């Protein structure tokens, strides 16, 4: 199930969830101050940025896979 989620989709889901929480908070009457706004920006940007740096793509081919591919060519 989670193998089909790519990095951009995961980042988009994260940002949408935080925007929904911020919208619900604003509708509930939570004051929107510059400090709170900067905290929300940091909460939206930092985790996806770390996830994009840490979450790698496919692992490199092993020597056996490279040699097997040469044999079949």
PDB file of N, CA and C in Angstrom:
ATOM      1  N   UNK A   1       0.823  -1.197   0.000  1.00  0.00           N
ATOM      2  CA  UNK A   1       0.000   0.000   0.000  1.00  0.00           C
ATOM      3  C   UNK A   1       0.863   1.256   0.000  1.00  0.00           C
ATOM      4  N   UNK A   2       1.881   1.309   0.873  1.00  0.00           N
ATOM      5  CA  UNK A   2       2.688   2.513   0.973  1.00  0.00           C
ATOM      6  C   UNK A   2       3.805   2.546  -0.053  1.00  0.00           C
ATOM      7  N   UNK A   3       3.977   1.511  -0.852  1.00  0.00           N
ATOM      8  CA  UNK A   3       5.030   1.504  -1.848  1.00  0.00           C
ATOM      9  C   UNK A   3       4.706   2.427  -3.014  1.00  0.00           C
ATOM     10  N   UNK A   4       3.438   2.759  -3.203  1.00  0.00           N
ATOM     11  CA  UNK A   4       3.062   3.610  -4.323  1.00  0.00           C
ATOM     12  C   UNK A   4       3.146   5.099  -3.988  1.00  0.00           C
ATOM     13  N   UNK A   5       3.436   5.445  -2.738  1.00  0.00           N
ATOM     14  CA  UNK A   5       3.527   6.855  -2.356  1.00  0.00           C
ATOM     15  C   UNK A   5       4.932   7.349  -2.692  1.00  0.00           C
ATOM     16  N   UNK A   6       4.985   8.410  -3.480  1.00  0.00           N
ATOM     17  CA  UNK A   6       6.265   8.996  -3.844  1.00  0.00           C
ATOM     18  C   UNK A   6       6.565  10.164  -2.912  1.00  0.00           C
ATOM     19  N   UNK A   7       7.782  10.673  -2.994  1.00  0.00           N
ATOM     20  CA  UNK A   7       8.165  11.795  -2.131  1.00  0.00           C
ATOM     21  C   UNK A   7       7.302  13.029  -2.348  1.00  0.00           C
ATOM     22  N   UNK A   8       7.070  13.456  -3.585  1.00  0.00           N
ATOM     23  CA  UNK A   8       6.234  14.651  -3.758  1.00  0.00           C
ATOM     24  C   UNK A   8       4.810  14.466  -3.223  1.00  0.00           C
ATOM     25  N   UNK A   9       4.261  13.276  -3.356  1.00  0.00           N
ATOM     26  CA  UNK A   9       2.913  13.030  -2.830  1.00  0.00           C
ATOM     27  C   UNK A   9       2.924  13.101  -1.310  1.00  0.00           C
ATOM     28  N   UNK A  10       3.954  12.530  -0.679  1.00  0.00           N
ATOM     29  CA  UNK A  10       4.049  12.569   0.780  1.00  0.00           C
ATOM     30  C   UNK A  10       4.199  14.002   1.280  1.00  0.00           C
ATOM     31  N   UNK A  11       4.984  14.810   0.595  1.00  0.00           N
ATOM     32  CA  UNK A  11       5.146  16.212   0.978  1.00  0.00           C
ATOM     33  C   UNK A  11       3.833  16.964   0.809  1.00  0.00           C
ATOM     34  N   UNK A  12       3.130  16.713  -0.273  1.00  0.00           N
ATOM     35  CA  UNK A  12       1.847  17.382  -0.499  1.00  0.00           C
ATOM     36  C   UNK A  12       0.824  16.989   0.571  1.00  0.00           C
ATOM     37  N   UNK A  13       0.796  15.713   0.930  1.00  0.00           N
ATOM     38  CA  UNK A  13      -0.134  15.270   1.982  1.00  0.00           C
ATOM     39  C   UNK A  13       0.198  15.961   3.295  1.00  0.00           C
ATOM     40  N   UNK A  14       1.476  16.072   3.627  1.00  0.00           N
ATOM     41  CA  UNK A  14       1.896  16.736   4.861  1.00  0.00           C
ATOM     42  C   UNK A  14       1.439  18.200   4.879  1.00  0.00           C
ATOM     43  N   UNK A  15       1.684  18.913   3.804  1.00  0.00           N
ATOM     44  CA  UNK A  15       1.314  20.329   3.758  1.00  0.00           C
ATOM     45  C   UNK A  15      -0.200  20.514   3.811  1.00  0.00           C
ATOM     46  N   UNK A  16      -0.945  19.669   3.116  1.00  0.00           N
ATOM     47  CA  UNK A  16      -2.409  19.780   3.133  1.00  0.00           C
ATOM     48  C   UNK A  16      -2.951  19.507   4.527  1.00  0.00           C
ATOM     49  N   UNK A  17      -2.406  18.501   5.214  1.00  0.00           N
ATOM     50  CA  UNK A  17      -2.869  18.224   6.576  1.00  0.00           C
ATOM     51  C   UNK A  17      -2.601  19.392   7.514  1.00  0.00           C
ATOM     52  N   UNK A  18      -1.424  20.011   7.405  1.00  0.00           N
ATOM     53  CA  UNK A  18      -1.136  21.161   8.259  1.00  0.00           C
ATOM     54  C   UNK A  18      -2.016  22.355   7.913  1.00  0.00           C
ATOM     55  N   UNK A  19      -2.313  22.544   6.638  1.00  0.00           N
ATOM     56  CA  UNK A  19      -3.215  23.634   6.264  1.00  0.00           C
ATOM     57  C   UNK A  19      -4.631  23.395   6.781  1.00  0.00           C
ATOM     58  N   UNK A  20      -5.070  22.147   6.773  1.00  0.00           N
ATOM     59  CA  UNK A  20      -6.396  21.833   7.314  1.00  0.00           C
ATOM     60  C   UNK A  20      -6.438  22.110   8.809  1.00  0.00           C
ATOM     61  N   UNK A  21      -5.394  21.709   9.524  1.00  0.00           N
ATOM     62  CA  UNK A  21      -5.343  21.958  10.970  1.00  0.00           C
ATOM     63  C   UNK A  21      -5.306  23.457  11.236  1.00  0.00           C
ATOM     64  N   UNK A  22      -4.539  24.210  10.462  1.00  0.00           N
ATOM     65  CA  UNK A  22      -4.481  25.661  10.642  1.00  0.00           C
ATOM     66  C   UNK A  22      -5.833  26.299  10.324  1.00  0.00           C
ATOM     67  N   UNK A  23      -6.507  25.823   9.289  1.00  0.00           N
ATOM     68  CA  UNK A  23      -7.834  26.361   8.951  1.00  0.00           C
ATOM     69  C   UNK A  23      -8.860  26.087  10.037  1.00  0.00           C
ATOM     70  N   UNK A  24      -8.831  24.873  10.588  1.00  0.00           N
ATOM     71  CA  UNK A  24      -9.755  24.548  11.675  1.00  0.00           C
ATOM     72  C   UNK A  24      -9.452  25.419  12.889  1.00  0.00           C
ATOM     73  N   UNK A  25      -8.186  25.629  13.166  1.00  0.00           N
ATOM     74  CA  UNK A  25      -7.812  26.498  14.284  1.00  0.00           C
ATOM     75  C   UNK A  25      -8.268  27.926  14.068  1.00  0.00           C
ATOM     76  N   UNK A  26      -8.132  28.437  12.859  1.00  0.00           N
ATOM     77  CA  UNK A  26      -8.573  29.806  12.572  1.00  0.00           C
ATOM     78  C   UNK A  26     -10.086  29.925  12.692  1.00  0.00           C
ATOM     79  N   UNK A  27     -10.807  28.901  12.235  1.00  0.00           N
ATOM     80  CA  UNK A  27     -12.266  28.930  12.371  1.00  0.00           C
ATOM     81  C   UNK A  27     -12.701  28.803  13.824  1.00  0.00           C
ATOM     82  N   UNK A  28     -11.895  28.152  14.639  1.00  0.00           N
ATOM     83  CA  UNK A  28     -12.226  27.988  16.054  1.00  0.00           C
ATOM     84  C   UNK A  28     -11.907  29.244  16.854  1.00  0.00           C
ATOM     85  N   UNK A  29     -11.241  30.205  16.255  1.00  0.00           N
ATOM     86  CA  UNK A  29     -10.982  31.463  16.935  1.00  0.00           C
ATOM     87  C   UNK A  29      -9.577  31.615  17.484  1.00  0.00           C
ATOM     88  N   UNK A  30      -8.655  30.775  17.071  1.00  0.00           N
ATOM     89  CA  UNK A  30      -7.281  30.902  17.524  1.00  0.00           C
ATOM     90  C   UNK A  30      -6.675  32.138  16.866  1.00  0.00           C
ATOM     91  N   UNK A  31      -6.063  33.015  17.654  1.00  0.00           N
ATOM     92  CA  UNK A  31      -5.495  34.229  17.048  1.00  0.00           C
ATOM     93  C   UNK A  31      -4.324  33.903  16.131  1.00  0.00           C
ATOM     94  N   UNK A  32      -4.279  34.568  14.985  1.00  0.00           N
ATOM     95  CA  UNK A  32      -3.207  34.354  14.017  1.00  0.00           C
ATOM     96  C   UNK A  32      -2.232  35.519  14.159  1.00  0.00           C
ATOM     97  N   UNK A  33      -1.144  35.263  14.874  1.00  0.00           N
ATOM     98  CA  UNK A  33      -0.116  36.279  15.108  1.00  0.00           C
ATOM     99  C   UNK A  33       1.079  35.989  14.210  1.00  0.00           C
ATOM    100  N   UNK A  34       1.981  36.957  14.068  1.00  0.00           N
ATOM    101  CA  UNK A  34       3.185  36.687  13.262  1.00  0.00           C
ATOM    102  C   UNK A  34       4.007  35.520  13.810  1.00  0.00           C
ATOM    103  N   UNK A  35       4.085  35.397  15.131  1.00  0.00           N
ATOM    104  CA  UNK A  35       4.855  34.293  15.716  1.00  0.00           C
ATOM    105  C   UNK A  35       4.196  32.957  15.388  1.00  0.00           C
ATOM    106  N   UNK A  36       2.891  32.896  15.488  1.00  0.00           N
ATOM    107  CA  UNK A  36       2.189  31.652  15.169  1.00  0.00           C
ATOM    108  C   UNK A  36       2.310  31.336  13.686  1.00  0.00           C
ATOM    109  N   UNK A  37       2.242  32.351  12.853  1.00  0.00           N
ATOM    110  CA  UNK A  37       2.383  32.140  11.410  1.00  0.00           C
ATOM    111  C   UNK A  37       3.765  31.608  11.062  1.00  0.00           C
ATOM    112  N   UNK A  38       4.802  32.167  11.677  1.00  0.00           N
ATOM    113  CA  UNK A  38       6.157  31.670  11.392  1.00  0.00           C
ATOM    114  C   UNK A  38       6.333  30.242  11.899  1.00  0.00           C
ATOM    115  N   UNK A  39       5.695  29.906  13.018  1.00  0.00           N
ATOM    116  CA  UNK A  39       5.753  28.537  13.516  1.00  0.00           C
ATOM    117  C   UNK A  39       5.084  27.581  12.533  1.00  0.00           C
ATOM    118  N   UNK A  40       3.956  27.981  11.960  1.00  0.00           N
ATOM    119  CA  UNK A  40       3.274  27.136  10.981  1.00  0.00           C
ATOM    120  C   UNK A  40       4.113  26.975   9.711  1.00  0.00           C
ATOM    121  N   UNK A  41       4.790  28.037   9.294  1.00  0.00           N
ATOM    122  CA  UNK A  41       5.650  27.938   8.107  1.00  0.00           C
ATOM    123  C   UNK A  41       6.792  26.957   8.363  1.00  0.00           C
ATOM    124  N   UNK A  42       7.401  27.045   9.543  1.00  0.00           N
ATOM    125  CA  UNK A  42       8.480  26.119   9.889  1.00  0.00           C
ATOM    126  C   UNK A  42       7.950  24.690   9.959  1.00  0.00           C
ATOM    127  N   UNK A  43       6.763  24.515  10.549  1.00  0.00           N
ATOM    128  CA  UNK A  43       6.178  23.177  10.655  1.00  0.00           C
ATOM    129  C   UNK A  43       5.832  22.610   9.277  1.00  0.00           C
ATOM    130  N   UNK A  44       5.530  23.467   8.321  1.00  0.00           N
ATOM    131  CA  UNK A  44       5.201  23.007   6.968  1.00  0.00           C
ATOM    132  C   UNK A  44       6.451  22.718   6.140  1.00  0.00           C
ATOM    133  N   UNK A  45       7.529  23.424   6.390  1.00  0.00           N
ATOM    134  CA  UNK A  45       8.693  23.333   5.505  1.00  0.00           C
ATOM    135  C   UNK A  45       9.754  22.355   6.006  1.00  0.00           C
ATOM    136  N   UNK A  46      10.041  22.357   7.294  1.00  0.00           N
ATOM    137  CA  UNK A  46      11.172  21.584   7.799  1.00  0.00           C
ATOM    138  C   UNK A  46      10.979  20.066   7.647  1.00  0.00           C
ATOM    139  N   UNK A  47       9.876  19.463   8.117  1.00  0.00           N
ATOM    140  CA  UNK A  47       9.762  18.002   7.966  1.00  0.00           C
ATOM    141  C   UNK A  47       9.790  17.512   6.514  1.00  0.00           C
ATOM    142  N   UNK A  48       9.078  18.173   5.585  1.00  0.00           N
ATOM    143  CA  UNK A  48       9.204  17.703   4.193  1.00  0.00           C
ATOM    144  C   UNK A  48      10.608  17.888   3.623  1.00  0.00           C
ATOM    145  N   UNK A  49      11.294  18.960   4.023  1.00  0.00           N
ATOM    146  CA  UNK A  49      12.655  19.166   3.526  1.00  0.00           C
ATOM    147  C   UNK A  49      13.579  18.054   4.017  1.00  0.00           C
ATOM    148  N   UNK A  50      13.449  17.680   5.283  1.00  0.00           N
ATOM    149  CA  UNK A  50      14.248  16.581   5.812  1.00  0.00           C
ATOM    150  C   UNK A  50      13.881  15.277   5.116  1.00  0.00           C
ATOM    151  N   UNK A  51      12.583  15.075   4.898  1.00  0.00           N
ATOM    152  CA  UNK A  51      12.137  13.851   4.239  1.00  0.00           C
ATOM    153  C   UNK A  51      12.690  13.772   2.808  1.00  0.00           C
ATOM    154  N   UNK A  52      12.728  14.872   2.099  1.00  0.00           N
ATOM    155  CA  UNK A  52      13.248  14.865   0.735  1.00  0.00           C
ATOM    156  C   UNK A  52      14.749  14.582   0.713  1.00  0.00           C
ATOM    157  N   UNK A  53      15.478  15.037   1.754  1.00  0.00           N
ATOM    158  CA  UNK A  53      16.911  14.786   1.800  1.00  0.00           C
ATOM    159  C   UNK A  53      17.215  13.348   2.216  1.00  0.00           C
ATOM    160  N   UNK A  54      16.425  12.792   3.122  1.00  0.00           N
ATOM    161  CA  UNK A  54      16.724  11.482   3.670  1.00  0.00           C
ATOM    162  C   UNK A  54      16.147  10.357   2.825  1.00  0.00           C
ATOM    163  N   UNK A  55      14.956  10.550   2.280  1.00  0.00           N
ATOM    164  CA  UNK A  55      14.261   9.509   1.538  1.00  0.00           C
ATOM    165  C   UNK A  55      14.910   9.364   0.165  1.00  0.00           C
ATOM    166  N   UNK A  56      15.686   8.332   0.008  1.00  0.00           N
ATOM    167  CA  UNK A  56      16.411   8.132  -1.247  1.00  0.00           C
ATOM    168  C   UNK A  56      15.546   7.399  -2.258  1.00  0.00           C
ATOM    169  N   UNK A  57      16.041   7.352  -3.454  1.00  0.00           N
ATOM    170  CA  UNK A  57      15.364   6.626  -4.519  1.00  0.00           C
ATOM    171  C   UNK A  57      15.702   5.145  -4.451  1.00  0.00           C
ATOM    172  N   UNK A  58      15.694   4.513  -5.582  1.00  0.00           N
ATOM    173  CA  UNK A  58      15.993   3.082  -5.647  1.00  0.00           C
ATOM    174  C   UNK A  58      17.459   2.844  -5.291  1.00  0.00           C
ATOM    175  N   UNK A  59      17.758   1.732  -4.629  1.00  0.00           N
ATOM    176  CA  UNK A  59      19.157   1.444  -4.287  1.00  0.00           C
ATOM    177  C   UNK A  59      19.970   1.154  -5.547  1.00  0.00           C
ATOM    178  N   UNK A  60      21.263   1.428  -5.503  1.00  0.00           N
ATOM    179  CA  UNK A  60      22.085   1.145  -6.678  1.00  0.00           C
ATOM    180  C   UNK A  60      22.175  -0.357  -6.935  1.00  0.00           C
ATOM    181  N   UNK A  61      22.480  -0.691  -8.171  1.00  0.00           N
ATOM    182  CA  UNK A  61      22.584  -2.092  -8.540  1.00  0.00           C
ATOM    183  C   UNK A  61      23.792  -2.741  -7.866  1.00  0.00           C
ATOM    184  N   UNK A  62      23.631  -3.995  -7.511  1.00  0.00           N
ATOM    185  CA  UNK A  62      24.754  -4.751  -6.963  1.00  0.00           C
ATOM    186  C   UNK A  62      25.628  -5.257  -8.109  1.00  0.00           C
ATOM    187  N   UNK A  63      26.800  -5.723  -7.767  1.00  0.00           N
ATOM    188  CA  UNK A  63      27.714  -6.257  -8.780  1.00  0.00           C
ATOM    189  C   UNK A  63      27.076  -7.455  -9.480  1.00  0.00           C
ATOM    190  N   UNK A  64      26.393  -8.298  -8.719  1.00  0.00           N
ATOM    191  CA  UNK A  64      25.753  -9.470  -9.309  1.00  0.00           C
ATOM    192  C   UNK A  64      24.686  -9.063 -10.327  1.00  0.00           C
ATOM    193  N   UNK A  65      23.920  -8.027 -10.022  1.00  0.00           N
ATOM    194  CA  UNK A  65      22.884  -7.570 -10.961  1.00  0.00           C
ATOM    195  C   UNK A  65      23.505  -6.999 -12.229  1.00  0.00           C
ATOM    196  N   UNK A  66      24.592  -6.271 -12.074  1.00  0.00           N
ATOM    197  CA  UNK A  66      25.271  -5.704 -13.246  1.00  0.00           C
ATOM    198  C   UNK A  66      25.835  -6.828 -14.119  1.00  0.00           C
ATOM    199  N   UNK A  67      26.492  -7.811 -13.494  1.00  0.00           N
ATOM    200  CA  UNK A  67      27.066  -8.913 -14.268  1.00  0.00           C
ATOM    201  C   UNK A  67      25.982  -9.757 -14.928  1.00  0.00           C
ATOM    202  N   UNK A  68      24.880  -9.950 -14.244  1.00  0.00           N
ATOM    203  CA  UNK A  68      23.768 -10.719 -14.817  1.00  0.00           C
ATOM    204  C   UNK A  68      23.173  -9.989 -16.015  1.00  0.00           C
ATOM    205  N   UNK A  69      23.081  -8.668 -15.934  1.00  0.00           N
ATOM    206  CA  UNK A  69      22.540  -7.886 -17.047  1.00  0.00           C
ATOM    207  C   UNK A  69      23.479  -7.965 -18.262  1.00  0.00           C
ATOM    208  N   UNK A  70      24.798  -8.010 -18.030  1.00  0.00           N
ATOM    209  CA  UNK A  70      25.760  -8.105 -19.126  1.00  0.00           C
ATOM    210  C   UNK A  70      25.656  -9.462 -19.800  1.00  0.00           C
ATOM    211  N   UNK A  71      25.457 -10.511 -18.996  1.00  0.00           N
ATOM    212  CA  UNK A  71      25.348 -11.852 -19.562  1.00  0.00           C
ATOM    213  C   UNK A  71      24.126 -11.989 -20.470  1.00  0.00           C
ATOM    214  N   UNK A  72      23.051 -11.302 -20.157  1.00  0.00           N
ATOM    215  CA  UNK A  72      21.813 -11.435 -20.935  1.00  0.00           C
ATOM    216  C   UNK A  72      21.816 -10.569 -22.174  1.00  0.00           C
ATOM    217  N   UNK A  73      22.681  -9.583 -22.231  1.00  0.00           N
ATOM    218  CA  UNK A  73      22.685  -8.662 -23.378  1.00  0.00           C
ATOM    219  C   UNK A  73      23.320  -9.266 -24.596  1.00  0.00           C
TER     220      UNK A  73
END
